[in-house]
Amino acid sequence: MVQTPSGAPTGASAAVSRRPENLALVFQELITVIERMRSNRQPVSDAAAFRHQVREALKAGDAEARRRGYTAEDIQLAIFAVVAFLDETILNLRWPAFTDWPRQPLQEELFGHHIAGEIFFQNLQALLGRNDSQELADLLEVYQICLLLGFAGRYSIGGRAELRSMIEAVHLKIKRIRQSGPEISPRWALPNESFSFSSVDVWVKRLLIGTGVCVALAILLFAIYKLTLMGGVSSLRDLTGLR
């Protein structure tokens, strides 16, 4: 069980480039379900079945995040954030299907406590103190999404200014890391070696030839049009008796 981070990643771990699909995308489906519940677009009639589905989704996310190279500790911190967001959402909804959920929220089942609203921000404060790394930015992004979607935790009753300050600090940390890190895709980088255009480009020659043909064809069509027009005028004069 991981509740708070301990130490910053060093060495090769900190040098890994930003992944095209990061932690937030790994847990995207579950976060989307939570947001749909908050907007009353995800009805739930069976809490037990729903809890089982959530646990399976978390297991799948854990396995996928490990496959992408994230540490077990960071994965658990991401899972904790998602679970805290889910529990708070369910408790605030007060749906009949979740009548028994407050007696054993998912955080108690997985982490052994009822104070995720407090530990969430303890974790976040510790993460903000870590050395910069792409993995850290990815993990912070999970916390940032939960906050932007409405998670408040210990700030549910008061302290909104402090909450906004925390959100801004997370945003700036992520922005600093990703702006100073490697490019998102190496395909955007220009080649290191110098290059020059060839003196005679084959496509330039083809374009010139094509242009010449078009000009010649236009002149020919104009001549035919003029001759046809003159012939038509002459015929018209003959018909009208004009000379």
Foldseek 3Di string as FASTA:
>chain_A
DALADDAADDDPQQQDAADPQFLCNLCVVLLVLLLCVLVVNRDDQAPVVVLVVVVVSLVSSQVVNVVVPDDNNLSVLLVLLSQLLNQVSCVVVPDPNCPPCVVPRVCCVVPNDDQSLVSNVVRLVNLLVYDAGSNSLRSLVSNLVSVVSPRRRVPPPHDVVVSVVSSVSSVVSSVVRQVPHDDPDPVPDDDPDDDDDDPDDPVVVVVVVVVVVVVVVVVVVVVVVVVVVVVVVVVVCVVVVHD
